[in-house]
Amino acid sequence: MEGRAKSNRRLLILDDEEEIRTTLAQYFGSLGYRVDIAANVPEALEKLPEGFHVVLSDIRMPDADGMDFLQQARRINPKLGVFFITGYPTLETVIDAKQLGAVAYFRKPLNLAQVESRLRAFLGEEGESLIEGGVLVVTHGLMARLKDRLARFQTVVCPSDEDAFLAEVGQQHPKAVLAYAGAPETPQLLRAYQRLGRDANSFLLVSDDQTLDATNEMLFNHSVSGCIPLEASREVVERRIQDAVNLRETQKDEQ
């Protein structure tokens, strides 16, 4: 699997709000899930025999609620994983969802990375990563900006202090390091990392328009591995990291 969920993983999205159906379908479709949608419970039940593995279902819908759907769906496919999403969480629905066998219960607005992580855990894919090895992110602030786009990597966060950074590198042996180009400590961390020689892997800058000069300096004069725009899509972030790691592995083989 190269960067996407396995293509045979079928996901049904059940929600009476068109905008939510569209957003979820685009998001999970971009990750390789085979996605279908339903606007109501009868439509969803009609589609279930097509062979879905998981369903993301709203709870409050005009015709019938998600609890009714769960009970009927389980009679059609006892192994089906039903994940509830709701904008109106209550203690009663939480308890009912658990008792009826739902896999998880999420409050809207959704943290999509969290939802996908739970889906992958249910599907037995939680331990998979796009690269063999971890990604070290310098500072929790940068991680907070990128976490939704790093969901398919094993990540570790460290402070920007050089000693702490090198200690984490020595312990984790990351395949890639991500650091904000505009942070004053980043050039120093880059030089320290490069002094590791063959033991160093990919060092990638995360940049925006405000860091153009610093990015230019490190890209062309200090041989940084590459650059990721701060607002890049998840697909771009994943591809840049994978490409940088693959290039570094090729360089090591040639040394």
C-alpha atoms as a PDB file:
ATOM      1  CA  MET A   1       0.000   0.000   0.000  1.00  0.00           C
ATOM      2  CA  GLU A   2       1.722   3.146  -1.170  1.00  0.00           C
ATOM      3  CA  GLY A   3       0.404   6.012   0.906  1.00  0.00           C
ATOM      4  CA  ARG A   4      -3.266   5.128   0.819  1.00  0.00           C
ATOM      5  CA  ALA A   5      -5.773   2.895   2.500  1.00  0.00           C
ATOM      6  CA  LYS A   6      -6.157  -0.471   0.852  1.00  0.00           C
ATOM      7  CA  SER A   7      -8.458  -0.174  -2.143  1.00  0.00           C
ATOM      8  CA  ASN A   8     -10.707  -3.043  -1.006  1.00  0.00           C
ATOM      9  CA  ARG A   9     -11.700  -1.166   2.171  1.00  0.00           C
ATOM     10  CA  ARG A  10     -15.274  -0.066   1.535  1.00  0.00           C
ATOM     11  CA  LEU A  11     -16.760   2.837   3.479  1.00  0.00           C
ATOM     12  CA  LEU A  12     -20.387   3.984   3.546  1.00  0.00           C
ATOM     13  CA  ILE A  13     -21.191   7.500   4.752  1.00  0.00           C
ATOM     14  CA  LEU A  14     -24.718   7.994   6.105  1.00  0.00           C
ATOM     15  CA  ASP A  15     -25.765  11.569   6.859  1.00  0.00           C
ATOM     16  CA  ASP A  16     -28.789  13.654   5.912  1.00  0.00           C
ATOM     17  CA  GLU A  17     -26.625  16.781   5.375  1.00  0.00           C
ATOM     18  CA  GLU A  18     -25.256  16.914   1.837  1.00  0.00           C
ATOM     19  CA  GLU A  19     -22.271  19.096   2.758  1.00  0.00           C
ATOM     20  CA  ILE A  20     -21.091  16.594   5.368  1.00  0.00           C
ATOM     21  CA  ARG A  21     -21.550  13.651   3.004  1.00  0.00           C
ATOM     22  CA  THR A  22     -19.540  15.431   0.312  1.00  0.00           C
ATOM     23  CA  THR A  23     -16.740  16.522   2.652  1.00  0.00           C
ATOM     24  CA  LEU A  24     -16.307  13.072   4.169  1.00  0.00           C
ATOM     25  CA  ALA A  25     -16.501  11.340   0.798  1.00  0.00           C
ATOM     26  CA  GLN A  26     -13.801  13.593  -0.651  1.00  0.00           C
ATOM     27  CA  TYR A  27     -11.555  13.214   2.366  1.00  0.00           C
ATOM     28  CA  PHE A  28     -11.684   9.431   2.641  1.00  0.00           C
ATOM     29  CA  GLY A  29     -11.771   8.973  -1.097  1.00  0.00           C
ATOM     30  CA  SER A  30      -8.503  10.917  -1.343  1.00  0.00           C
ATOM     31  CA  LEU A  31      -6.981   8.384   1.047  1.00  0.00           C
ATOM     32  CA  GLY A  32      -7.910   5.456  -1.154  1.00  0.00           C
ATOM     33  CA  TYR A  33     -11.078   4.209   0.524  1.00  0.00           C
ATOM     34  CA  ARG A  34     -13.841   3.039  -1.806  1.00  0.00           C
ATOM     35  CA  VAL A  35     -16.581   5.386  -0.653  1.00  0.00           C
ATOM     36  CA  ASP A  36     -20.329   5.430  -1.181  1.00  0.00           C
ATOM     37  CA  ILE A  37     -22.909   7.748   0.394  1.00  0.00           C
ATOM     38  CA  ALA A  38     -26.480   7.551   1.637  1.00  0.00           C
ATOM     39  CA  ALA A  39     -28.799  10.389   2.650  1.00  0.00           C
ATOM     40  CA  ASN A  40     -31.113   8.307   4.825  1.00  0.00           C
ATOM     41  CA  VAL A  41     -31.437   4.994   6.623  1.00  0.00           C
ATOM     42  CA  PRO A  42     -33.514   3.129   3.978  1.00  0.00           C
ATOM     43  CA  GLU A  43     -30.998   4.080   1.284  1.00  0.00           C
ATOM     44  CA  ALA A  44     -28.096   2.941   3.466  1.00  0.00           C
ATOM     45  CA  LEU A  45     -29.742  -0.392   4.295  1.00  0.00           C
ATOM     46  CA  GLU A  46     -30.408  -0.988   0.616  1.00  0.00           C
ATOM     47  CA  LYS A  47     -26.703  -0.515  -0.151  1.00  0.00           C
ATOM     48  CA  LEU A  48     -25.304  -2.638   2.682  1.00  0.00           C
ATOM     49  CA  PRO A  49     -25.384  -5.960   0.790  1.00  0.00           C
ATOM     50  CA  GLU A  50     -22.818  -4.458  -1.611  1.00  0.00           C
ATOM     51  CA  GLY A  51     -20.190  -5.390   0.972  1.00  0.00           C
ATOM     52  CA  PHE A  52     -19.048  -2.495   3.157  1.00  0.00           C
ATOM     53  CA  HIS A  53     -16.500  -2.871   5.944  1.00  0.00           C
ATOM     54  CA  VAL A  54     -17.319   0.307   7.876  1.00  0.00           C
ATOM     55  CA  VAL A  55     -20.060   2.932   8.084  1.00  0.00           C
ATOM     56  CA  LEU A  56     -19.826   6.503   9.332  1.00  0.00           C
ATOM     57  CA  SER A  57     -23.368   7.265  10.435  1.00  0.00           C
ATOM     58  CA  ASP A  58     -25.080  10.337  11.797  1.00  0.00           C
ATOM     59  CA  ILE A  59     -27.381   9.709  14.774  1.00  0.00           C
ATOM     60  CA  ARG A  60     -30.138  12.306  14.313  1.00  0.00           C
ATOM     61  CA  MET A  61     -31.880  11.985  10.946  1.00  0.00           C
ATOM     62  CA  PRO A  62     -35.457  12.816   9.911  1.00  0.00           C
ATOM     63  CA  ASP A  63     -36.700   9.367   8.914  1.00  0.00           C
ATOM     64  CA  ALA A  64     -34.944   7.053  11.389  1.00  0.00           C
ATOM     65  CA  ASP A  65     -32.030   7.547  13.745  1.00  0.00           C
ATOM     66  CA  GLY A  66     -28.594   5.976  13.718  1.00  0.00           C
ATOM     67  CA  MET A  67     -29.481   3.553  16.509  1.00  0.00           C
ATOM     68  CA  ASP A  68     -32.229   2.044  14.349  1.00  0.00           C
ATOM     69  CA  PHE A  69     -29.775   1.793  11.480  1.00  0.00           C
ATOM     70  CA  LEU A  70     -27.171   0.059  13.657  1.00  0.00           C
ATOM     71  CA  GLN A  71     -29.600  -2.609  14.825  1.00  0.00           C
ATOM     72  CA  GLN A  72     -30.871  -3.350  11.322  1.00  0.00           C
ATOM     73  CA  ALA A  73     -27.387  -3.188   9.784  1.00  0.00           C
ATOM     74  CA  ARG A  74     -26.018  -5.731  12.222  1.00  0.00           C
ATOM     75  CA  ARG A  75     -28.685  -8.210  11.117  1.00  0.00           C
ATOM     76  CA  ILE A  76     -27.463  -7.793   7.537  1.00  0.00           C
ATOM     77  CA  ASN A  77     -23.742  -7.905   8.373  1.00  0.00           C
ATOM     78  CA  PRO A  78     -22.757  -8.814  11.958  1.00  0.00           C
ATOM     79  CA  LYS A  79     -19.103  -7.876  11.288  1.00  0.00           C
ATOM     80  CA  LEU A  80     -19.871  -4.376  10.026  1.00  0.00           C
ATOM     81  CA  GLY A  81     -18.097  -1.582  11.897  1.00  0.00           C
ATOM     82  CA  VAL A  82     -20.462   1.293  12.643  1.00  0.00           C
ATOM     83  CA  PHE A  83     -18.952   4.606  13.751  1.00  0.00           C
ATOM     84  CA  PHE A  84     -21.333   7.287  14.964  1.00  0.00           C
ATOM     85  CA  ILE A  85     -20.917  11.004  14.258  1.00  0.00           C
ATOM     86  CA  THR A  86     -23.218  13.569  15.815  1.00  0.00           C
ATOM     87  CA  GLY A  87     -23.651  17.266  16.319  1.00  0.00           C
ATOM     88  CA  TYR A  88     -25.950  16.640  19.282  1.00  0.00           C
ATOM     89  CA  PRO A  89     -24.130  14.344  21.708  1.00  0.00           C
ATOM     90  CA  THR A  90     -26.003  13.155  24.781  1.00  0.00           C
ATOM     91  CA  LEU A  91     -25.192  10.731  27.551  1.00  0.00           C
ATOM     92  CA  GLU A  92     -28.138   8.579  26.500  1.00  0.00           C
ATOM     93  CA  THR A  93     -26.880   8.160  22.923  1.00  0.00           C
ATOM     94  CA  VAL A  94     -23.340   7.450  24.102  1.00  0.00           C
ATOM     95  CA  ILE A  95     -24.618   4.652  26.346  1.00  0.00           C
ATOM     96  CA  ASP A  96     -26.962   3.272  23.687  1.00  0.00           C
ATOM     97  CA  ALA A  97     -24.231   3.335  21.044  1.00  0.00           C
ATOM     98  CA  LYS A  98     -21.924   1.301  23.256  1.00  0.00           C
ATOM     99  CA  GLN A  99     -24.607  -1.188  24.261  1.00  0.00           C
ATOM    100  CA  LEU A 100     -25.676  -1.736  20.663  1.00  0.00           C
ATOM    101  CA  GLY A 101     -22.126  -2.435  19.521  1.00  0.00           C
ATOM    102  CA  ALA A 102     -20.950   0.755  17.802  1.00  0.00           C
ATOM    103  CA  VAL A 103     -17.187   0.919  17.364  1.00  0.00           C
ATOM    104  CA  ALA A 104     -16.792   4.625  18.189  1.00  0.00           C
ATOM    105  CA  TYR A 105     -18.720   7.841  18.783  1.00  0.00           C
ATOM    106  CA  PHE A 106     -17.481  11.188  17.453  1.00  0.00           C
ATOM    107  CA  ARG A 107     -18.717  14.719  18.092  1.00  0.00           C
ATOM    108  CA  LYS A 108     -19.031  17.200  15.207  1.00  0.00           C
ATOM    109  CA  PRO A 109     -17.114  19.145  14.045  1.00  0.00           C
ATOM    110  CA  LEU A 110     -14.968  16.109  13.385  1.00  0.00           C
ATOM    111  CA  ASN A 111     -11.256  15.695  13.842  1.00  0.00           C
ATOM    112  CA  LEU A 112     -10.830  13.773  10.600  1.00  0.00           C
ATOM    113  CA  ALA A 113      -7.356  12.491  11.440  1.00  0.00           C
ATOM    114  CA  GLN A 114      -8.722  11.015  14.656  1.00  0.00           C
ATOM    115  CA  VAL A 115     -11.638   9.413  12.848  1.00  0.00           C
ATOM    116  CA  GLU A 116      -9.352   7.889  10.247  1.00  0.00           C
ATOM    117  CA  SER A 117      -7.028   6.567  12.927  1.00  0.00           C
ATOM    118  CA  ARG A 118      -9.934   4.753  14.570  1.00  0.00           C
ATOM    119  CA  LEU A 119     -11.041   3.385  11.196  1.00  0.00           C
ATOM    120  CA  ARG A 120      -7.566   2.037  10.515  1.00  0.00           C
ATOM    121  CA  ALA A 121      -7.416   0.481  13.967  1.00  0.00           C
ATOM    122  CA  PHE A 122     -10.712  -1.318  13.328  1.00  0.00           C
ATOM    123  CA  LEU A 123      -9.467  -2.458   9.913  1.00  0.00           C
ATOM    124  CA  GLY A 124      -6.204  -3.749  11.378  1.00  0.00           C
ATOM    125  CA  GLU A 125      -4.064  -1.088   9.700  1.00  0.00           C
ATOM    126  CA  GLU A 126      -3.153   1.069  12.696  1.00  0.00           C
ATOM    127  CA  GLY A 127       0.528   0.201  12.695  1.00  0.00           C
ATOM    128  CA  GLU A 128       1.093   0.978   9.033  1.00  0.00           C
ATOM    129  CA  SER A 129       3.234   3.946   8.064  1.00  0.00           C
ATOM    130  CA  LEU A 130       4.114   5.475   4.729  1.00  0.00           C
ATOM    131  CA  ILE A 131       7.813   5.055   5.439  1.00  0.00           C
ATOM    132  CA  GLU A 132       9.867   2.569   7.414  1.00  0.00           C
ATOM    133  CA  GLY A 133      10.842   4.793  10.295  1.00  0.00           C
ATOM    134  CA  GLY A 134       9.594   7.838  12.124  1.00  0.00           C
ATOM    135  CA  VAL A 135       9.307  11.541  11.472  1.00  0.00           C
ATOM    136  CA  LEU A 136      10.729  13.952  14.047  1.00  0.00           C
ATOM    137  CA  VAL A 137       8.853  17.255  14.241  1.00  0.00           C
ATOM    138  CA  VAL A 138      10.647  20.166  15.891  1.00  0.00           C
ATOM    139  CA  THR A 139       8.309  21.866  18.425  1.00  0.00           C
ATOM    140  CA  HIS A 140       4.747  21.135  19.431  1.00  0.00           C
ATOM    141  CA  GLY A 141       3.667  24.320  17.675  1.00  0.00           C
ATOM    142  CA  LEU A 142       4.704  22.966  14.284  1.00  0.00           C
ATOM    143  CA  MET A 143       3.166  19.593  15.070  1.00  0.00           C
ATOM    144  CA  ALA A 144      -0.140  21.269  15.906  1.00  0.00           C
ATOM    145  CA  ARG A 145      -0.142  22.897  12.460  1.00  0.00           C
ATOM    146  CA  LEU A 146       0.682  19.665  10.627  1.00  0.00           C
ATOM    147  CA  LYS A 147      -0.814  16.822  12.665  1.00  0.00           C
ATOM    148  CA  ASP A 148      -3.805  16.172  10.385  1.00  0.00           C
ATOM    149  CA  ARG A 149      -1.435  15.826   7.432  1.00  0.00           C
ATOM    150  CA  LEU A 150       1.025  13.566   9.258  1.00  0.00           C
ATOM    151  CA  ALA A 151      -1.554  10.990  10.360  1.00  0.00           C
ATOM    152  CA  ARG A 152       0.020   8.263   8.207  1.00  0.00           C
ATOM    153  CA  PHE A 153       3.470   8.625   9.751  1.00  0.00           C
ATOM    154  CA  GLN A 154       4.866   7.592  13.096  1.00  0.00           C
ATOM    155  CA  THR A 155       5.714  10.996  14.594  1.00  0.00           C
ATOM    156  CA  VAL A 156       7.745  12.211  17.545  1.00  0.00           C
ATOM    157  CA  VAL A 157       7.965  15.830  18.736  1.00  0.00           C
ATOM    158  CA  CYS A 158      11.010  17.473  20.280  1.00  0.00           C
ATOM    159  CA  PRO A 159      11.905  20.994  21.445  1.00  0.00           C
ATOM    160  CA  SER A 160      14.148  23.279  19.404  1.00  0.00           C
ATOM    161  CA  ASP A 161      16.995  23.127  21.925  1.00  0.00           C
ATOM    162  CA  GLU A 162      20.019  21.586  20.177  1.00  0.00           C
ATOM    163  CA  ASP A 163      20.952  19.174  22.967  1.00  0.00           C
ATOM    164  CA  ALA A 164      17.379  17.928  23.315  1.00  0.00           C
ATOM    165  CA  PHE A 165      17.085  17.661  19.533  1.00  0.00           C
ATOM    166  CA  LEU A 166      20.235  15.574  19.169  1.00  0.00           C
ATOM    167  CA  ALA A 167      19.243  13.388  22.109  1.00  0.00           C
ATOM    168  CA  GLU A 168      15.914  12.653  20.419  1.00  0.00           C
ATOM    169  CA  VAL A 169      17.654  11.968  17.116  1.00  0.00           C
ATOM    170  CA  GLY A 170      20.007   9.543  18.841  1.00  0.00           C
ATOM    171  CA  GLN A 171      17.141   7.729  20.484  1.00  0.00           C
ATOM    172  CA  GLN A 172      14.597   7.698  17.650  1.00  0.00           C
ATOM    173  CA  HIS A 173      16.817   7.602  14.521  1.00  0.00           C
ATOM    174  CA  PRO A 174      14.112   9.382  12.482  1.00  0.00           C
ATOM    175  CA  LYS A 175      13.948   8.928   8.742  1.00  0.00           C
ATOM    176  CA  ALA A 176      12.936  12.565   8.357  1.00  0.00           C
ATOM    177  CA  VAL A 177      13.098  15.760  10.404  1.00  0.00           C
ATOM    178  CA  LEU A 178      10.620  18.612   9.918  1.00  0.00           C
ATOM    179  CA  ALA A 179      11.527  22.098  11.169  1.00  0.00           C
ATOM    180  CA  TYR A 180       9.989  25.512  10.574  1.00  0.00           C
ATOM    181  CA  ALA A 181      12.223  27.594   8.313  1.00  0.00           C
ATOM    182  CA  GLY A 182      11.478  30.804  10.213  1.00  0.00           C
ATOM    183  CA  ALA A 183      12.528  29.533  13.632  1.00  0.00           C
ATOM    184  CA  PRO A 184      15.861  31.094  14.649  1.00  0.00           C
ATOM    185  CA  GLU A 185      17.146  27.728  15.900  1.00  0.00           C
ATOM    186  CA  THR A 186      16.538  25.861  12.636  1.00  0.00           C
ATOM    187  CA  PRO A 187      19.858  26.675  10.853  1.00  0.00           C
ATOM    188  CA  GLN A 188      21.759  25.547  13.949  1.00  0.00           C
ATOM    189  CA  LEU A 189      19.761  22.327  14.165  1.00  0.00           C
ATOM    190  CA  LEU A 190      20.355  21.681  10.471  1.00  0.00           C
ATOM    191  CA  ARG A 191      24.119  22.069  10.839  1.00  0.00           C
ATOM    192  CA  ALA A 192      24.159  19.847  13.924  1.00  0.00           C
ATOM    193  CA  TYR A 193      22.160  17.195  12.106  1.00  0.00           C
ATOM    194  CA  GLN A 194      24.375  17.272   9.044  1.00  0.00           C
ATOM    195  CA  ARG A 195      27.446  16.758  11.222  1.00  0.00           C
ATOM    196  CA  LEU A 196      26.111  13.263  11.864  1.00  0.00           C
ATOM    197  CA  GLY A 197      27.198  12.422   8.323  1.00  0.00           C
ATOM    198  CA  ARG A 198      25.950   9.066   7.085  1.00  0.00           C
ATOM    199  CA  ASP A 199      23.760   8.704  10.168  1.00  0.00           C
ATOM    200  CA  ALA A 200      21.766  11.783   9.147  1.00  0.00           C
ATOM    201  CA  ASN A 201      18.656  11.288   7.069  1.00  0.00           C
ATOM    202  CA  SER A 202      16.283  13.803   5.480  1.00  0.00           C
ATOM    203  CA  PHE A 203      15.951  17.306   6.981  1.00  0.00           C
ATOM    204  CA  LEU A 204      12.952  19.134   5.523  1.00  0.00           C
ATOM    205  CA  LEU A 205      11.967  22.744   5.979  1.00  0.00           C
ATOM    206  CA  VAL A 206       8.365  23.754   6.515  1.00  0.00           C
ATOM    207  CA  SER A 207       8.039  27.219   5.006  1.00  0.00           C
ATOM    208  CA  ASP A 208       5.654  30.035   4.186  1.00  0.00           C
ATOM    209  CA  ASP A 209       5.916  33.412   2.446  1.00  0.00           C
ATOM    210  CA  GLN A 210       7.340  35.031   5.569  1.00  0.00           C
ATOM    211  CA  THR A 211      10.325  32.664   5.560  1.00  0.00           C
ATOM    212  CA  LEU A 212      11.364  33.057   1.924  1.00  0.00           C
ATOM    213  CA  ASP A 213      14.882  34.380   2.632  1.00  0.00           C
ATOM    214  CA  ALA A 214      15.651  31.773   5.280  1.00  0.00           C
ATOM    215  CA  THR A 215      14.300  29.006   3.060  1.00  0.00           C
ATOM    216  CA  ASN A 216      16.370  30.181   0.111  1.00  0.00           C
ATOM    217  CA  GLU A 217      19.531  30.287   2.226  1.00  0.00           C
ATOM    218  CA  MET A 218      19.152  26.795   3.629  1.00  0.00           C
ATOM    219  CA  LEU A 219      17.952  25.195   0.386  1.00  0.00           C
ATOM    220  CA  PHE A 220      20.774  26.480  -1.792  1.00  0.00           C
ATOM    221  CA  ASN A 221      23.654  27.119   0.602  1.00  0.00           C
ATOM    222  CA  HIS A 222      23.214  24.459   3.271  1.00  0.00           C
ATOM    223  CA  SER A 223      21.898  21.516   1.249  1.00  0.00           C
ATOM    224  CA  VAL A 224      18.691  20.977   3.161  1.00  0.00           C
ATOM    225  CA  SER A 225      16.784  17.940   1.851  1.00  0.00           C
ATOM    226  CA  GLY A 226      13.709  19.819   0.697  1.00  0.00           C
ATOM    227  CA  CYS A 227      10.870  22.156   1.547  1.00  0.00           C
ATOM    228  CA  ILE A 228       7.170  21.719   2.318  1.00  0.00           C
ATOM    229  CA  PRO A 229       4.806  24.710   2.135  1.00  0.00           C
ATOM    230  CA  LEU A 230       3.144  25.208   5.502  1.00  0.00           C
ATOM    231  CA  GLU A 231      -0.329  25.185   3.933  1.00  0.00           C
ATOM    232  CA  ALA A 232       0.314  22.277   1.557  1.00  0.00           C
ATOM    233  CA  SER A 233      -2.327  19.599   1.193  1.00  0.00           C
ATOM    234  CA  ARG A 234      -1.980  16.289   2.942  1.00  0.00           C
ATOM    235  CA  GLU A 235      -1.140  14.593  -0.330  1.00  0.00           C
ATOM    236  CA  VAL A 236       1.717  17.038  -0.998  1.00  0.00           C
ATOM    237  CA  VAL A 237       3.098  16.717   2.534  1.00  0.00           C
ATOM    238  CA  GLU A 238       3.087  12.926   2.315  1.00  0.00           C
ATOM    239  CA  ARG A 239       4.698  12.888  -1.114  1.00  0.00           C
ATOM    240  CA  ARG A 240       7.463  15.359  -0.185  1.00  0.00           C
ATOM    241  CA  ILE A 241       8.415  13.330   2.879  1.00  0.00           C
ATOM    242  CA  GLN A 242       8.365  10.028   1.014  1.00  0.00           C
ATOM    243  CA  ASP A 243      10.400  11.417  -1.883  1.00  0.00           C
ATOM    244  CA  ALA A 244      13.013  12.913   0.438  1.00  0.00           C
ATOM    245  CA  VAL A 245      13.373   9.680   2.402  1.00  0.00           C
ATOM    246  CA  ASN A 246      13.643   7.594  -0.758  1.00  0.00           C
ATOM    247  CA  LEU A 247      16.271   9.947  -2.205  1.00  0.00           C
ATOM    248  CA  ARG A 248      18.341   9.792   0.964  1.00  0.00           C
ATOM    249  CA  GLU A 249      18.209   5.991   0.969  1.00  0.00           C
ATOM    250  CA  THR A 250      19.429   5.977  -2.640  1.00  0.00           C
ATOM    251  CA  GLN A 251      22.284   8.345  -1.767  1.00  0.00           C
ATOM    252  CA  LYS A 252      23.373   6.094   1.089  1.00  0.00           C
ATOM    253  CA  ASP A 253      23.381   3.048  -1.171  1.00  0.00           C
ATOM    254  CA  GLU A 254      25.641   4.891  -3.611  1.00  0.00           C
ATOM    255  CA  GLN A 255      28.144   6.002  -0.956  1.00  0.00           C
END
